[in-house]
């Protein structure tokens, strides 16, 4: 289970770093002050397990959304 969680978080980080525009606007506003990677880390750290799973599903398996 831990490996699955690590992969999910790594996938999210990689996707947000490759395309920062998919971050919510209010999160994107932090990039100039904090830097891209720190902003992404802070955003992911604030996610609940359920929200992180839903975001991953939305980004990587959009057709499987309920």
N, C-alpha and C. Protein backbone atom coordinates (compact mmCIF):
# COMPACT_ATOMS: atom_id res chain seq x y z
N UNK A 1 0.82 -1.19 0.00
CA UNK A 1 0.00 0.00 0.00
C UNK A 1 0.87 1.26 0.00
N UNK A 2 1.99 1.22 0.72
CA UNK A 2 2.86 2.39 0.78
C UNK A 2 3.45 2.70 -0.59
N UNK A 3 3.81 1.68 -1.33
CA UNK A 3 4.37 1.89 -2.66
C UNK A 3 3.34 2.54 -3.57
N UNK A 4 2.10 2.11 -3.45
CA UNK A 4 1.02 2.70 -4.25
C UNK A 4 0.84 4.18 -3.90
N UNK A 5 0.88 4.51 -2.62
CA UNK A 5 0.73 5.90 -2.18
C UNK A 5 1.91 6.76 -2.68
N UNK A 6 3.11 6.21 -2.60
CA UNK A 6 4.28 6.94 -3.08
C UNK A 6 4.18 7.21 -4.57
N UNK A 7 3.71 6.24 -5.32
CA UNK A 7 3.56 6.42 -6.76
C UNK A 7 2.51 7.48 -7.07
N UNK A 8 1.39 7.43 -6.36
CA UNK A 8 0.32 8.41 -6.57
C UNK A 8 0.85 9.82 -6.33
N UNK A 9 1.55 10.03 -5.23
CA UNK A 9 2.07 11.35 -4.91
C UNK A 9 3.14 11.79 -5.91
N UNK A 10 3.98 10.86 -6.29
CA UNK A 10 5.01 11.17 -7.29
C UNK A 10 4.39 11.54 -8.63
N UNK A 11 3.36 10.81 -9.03
CA UNK A 11 2.65 11.11 -10.28
C UNK A 11 2.05 12.51 -10.23
N UNK A 12 1.41 12.84 -9.11
CA UNK A 12 0.81 14.17 -8.98
C UNK A 12 1.88 15.25 -9.09
N UNK A 13 2.98 15.08 -8.34
CA UNK A 13 4.05 16.07 -8.36
C UNK A 13 4.58 16.26 -9.78
N UNK A 14 4.84 15.17 -10.46
CA UNK A 14 5.38 15.23 -11.82
C UNK A 14 4.42 15.92 -12.77
N UNK A 15 3.15 15.61 -12.66
CA UNK A 15 2.15 16.22 -13.53
C UNK A 15 2.04 17.73 -13.28
N UNK A 16 2.01 18.12 -12.02
CA UNK A 16 1.91 19.55 -11.69
C UNK A 16 3.17 20.31 -12.11
N UNK A 17 4.33 19.68 -11.98
CA UNK A 17 5.58 20.34 -12.38
C UNK A 17 5.64 20.49 -13.89
N UNK A 18 5.17 19.48 -14.62
CA UNK A 18 5.19 19.53 -16.08
C UNK A 18 4.18 20.54 -16.62
N UNK A 19 3.07 20.70 -15.90
CA UNK A 19 2.00 21.59 -16.37
C UNK A 19 1.40 22.36 -15.20
N UNK A 20 2.09 23.41 -14.73
CA UNK A 20 1.61 24.15 -13.56
C UNK A 20 0.22 24.78 -13.75
N UNK A 21 -0.21 24.94 -14.98
CA UNK A 21 -1.52 25.54 -15.24
C UNK A 21 -2.66 24.66 -14.74
N UNK A 22 -2.41 23.38 -14.47
CA UNK A 22 -3.48 22.53 -13.95
C UNK A 22 -3.67 22.68 -12.45
N UNK A 23 -2.77 23.40 -11.80
CA UNK A 23 -2.96 23.73 -10.38
C UNK A 23 -4.09 24.75 -10.27
N UNK A 24 -4.83 24.74 -9.16
CA UNK A 24 -5.85 25.77 -8.97
C UNK A 24 -5.21 27.17 -9.01
N UNK A 25 -5.97 28.14 -9.50
CA UNK A 25 -5.44 29.50 -9.64
C UNK A 25 -4.88 30.05 -8.34
N UNK A 26 -5.60 29.84 -7.24
CA UNK A 26 -5.13 30.41 -5.97
C UNK A 26 -3.82 29.77 -5.52
N UNK A 27 -3.53 28.57 -5.98
CA UNK A 27 -2.26 27.91 -5.68
C UNK A 27 -1.17 28.44 -6.61
N UNK A 28 -1.49 28.64 -7.87
CA UNK A 28 -0.53 29.17 -8.84
C UNK A 28 0.03 30.52 -8.41
N UNK A 29 -0.76 31.30 -7.70
CA UNK A 29 -0.33 32.63 -7.27
C UNK A 29 0.84 32.57 -6.28
N UNK A 30 1.07 31.42 -5.67
CA UNK A 30 2.17 31.27 -4.71
C UNK A 30 3.51 30.97 -5.39
N UNK A 31 3.48 30.61 -6.65
CA UNK A 31 4.70 30.19 -7.35
C UNK A 31 5.78 31.27 -7.36
N UNK A 32 5.46 32.54 -7.67
CA UNK A 32 6.54 33.55 -7.69
C UNK A 32 7.27 33.72 -6.35
N UNK A 33 6.53 33.61 -5.23
CA UNK A 33 7.17 33.79 -3.93
C UNK A 33 7.87 32.52 -3.43
N UNK A 34 7.25 31.38 -3.62
CA UNK A 34 7.75 30.14 -3.03
C UNK A 34 8.53 29.26 -3.99
N UNK A 35 8.36 29.46 -5.27
CA UNK A 35 8.96 28.58 -6.27
C UNK A 35 7.99 27.47 -6.62
N UNK A 36 8.15 26.92 -7.79
CA UNK A 36 7.23 25.91 -8.30
C UNK A 36 7.22 24.65 -7.44
N UNK A 37 8.38 24.08 -7.18
CA UNK A 37 8.44 22.81 -6.46
C UNK A 37 7.90 22.93 -5.04
N UNK A 38 8.24 24.00 -4.33
CA UNK A 38 7.75 24.20 -2.96
C UNK A 38 6.23 24.39 -2.97
N UNK A 39 5.72 25.12 -3.95
CA UNK A 39 4.28 25.33 -4.05
C UNK A 39 3.56 24.02 -4.28
N UNK A 40 4.10 23.20 -5.17
CA UNK A 40 3.49 21.89 -5.44
C UNK A 40 3.54 21.01 -4.19
N UNK A 41 4.68 20.97 -3.54
CA UNK A 41 4.81 20.16 -2.32
C UNK A 41 3.81 20.59 -1.25
N UNK A 42 3.67 21.89 -1.05
CA UNK A 42 2.73 22.39 -0.05
C UNK A 42 1.29 22.05 -0.43
N UNK A 43 0.97 22.15 -1.71
CA UNK A 43 -0.38 21.83 -2.18
C UNK A 43 -0.68 20.35 -1.94
N UNK A 44 0.24 19.49 -2.33
CA UNK A 44 0.04 18.05 -2.16
C UNK A 44 -0.02 17.69 -0.67
N UNK A 45 0.81 18.32 0.14
CA UNK A 45 0.84 18.02 1.57
C UNK A 45 -0.50 18.37 2.24
N UNK A 46 -1.21 19.33 1.69
CA UNK A 46 -2.49 19.74 2.26
C UNK A 46 -3.67 18.90 1.79
N UNK A 47 -3.42 17.96 0.89
CA UNK A 47 -4.51 17.13 0.36
C UNK A 47 -4.86 16.01 1.35
N UNK A 48 -6.14 15.72 1.42
CA UNK A 48 -6.56 14.51 2.13
C UNK A 48 -6.26 13.32 1.23
N UNK A 49 -6.28 12.13 1.80
CA UNK A 49 -6.06 10.93 0.99
C UNK A 49 -7.11 10.83 -0.12
N UNK A 50 -8.34 11.09 0.23
CA UNK A 50 -9.42 10.99 -0.74
C UNK A 50 -9.24 12.00 -1.88
N UNK A 51 -8.90 13.24 -1.53
CA UNK A 51 -8.73 14.27 -2.55
C UNK A 51 -7.55 13.93 -3.46
N UNK A 52 -6.45 13.47 -2.90
CA UNK A 52 -5.28 13.10 -3.71
C UNK A 52 -5.63 11.98 -4.67
N UNK A 53 -6.38 11.00 -4.19
CA UNK A 53 -6.80 9.89 -5.04
C UNK A 53 -7.71 10.38 -6.16
N UNK A 54 -8.64 11.27 -5.83
CA UNK A 54 -9.55 11.81 -6.85
C UNK A 54 -8.79 12.64 -7.88
N UNK A 55 -7.83 13.44 -7.43
CA UNK A 55 -7.03 14.24 -8.36
C UNK A 55 -6.23 13.34 -9.30
N UNK A 56 -5.65 12.30 -8.74
CA UNK A 56 -4.88 11.36 -9.55
C UNK A 56 -5.79 10.70 -10.58
N UNK A 57 -6.95 10.29 -10.14
CA UNK A 57 -7.92 9.67 -11.04
C UNK A 57 -8.31 10.64 -12.16
N UNK A 58 -8.54 11.88 -11.80
CA UNK A 58 -8.95 12.89 -12.78
C UNK A 58 -7.84 13.14 -13.81
N UNK A 59 -6.59 13.14 -13.37
CA UNK A 59 -5.48 13.43 -14.28
C UNK A 59 -5.06 12.22 -15.11
N UNK A 60 -5.13 11.03 -14.54
CA UNK A 60 -4.55 9.86 -15.20
C UNK A 60 -5.56 8.84 -15.71
N UNK A 61 -6.80 8.89 -15.21
CA UNK A 61 -7.84 7.96 -15.65
C UNK A 61 -9.18 8.69 -15.78
N UNK A 62 -9.24 9.74 -16.58
CA UNK A 62 -10.46 10.56 -16.61
C UNK A 62 -11.72 9.81 -17.03
N UNK A 63 -11.60 8.74 -17.78
CA UNK A 63 -12.77 8.00 -18.23
C UNK A 63 -13.38 7.14 -17.14
N UNK A 64 -12.61 6.89 -16.07
CA UNK A 64 -13.11 6.05 -14.97
C UNK A 64 -13.77 6.85 -13.86
N UNK A 65 -13.96 8.14 -14.06
CA UNK A 65 -14.58 8.96 -13.04
C UNK A 65 -16.07 8.61 -12.95
N UNK A 66 -16.62 8.61 -11.73
CA UNK A 66 -18.05 8.30 -11.58
C UNK A 66 -18.93 9.39 -12.13
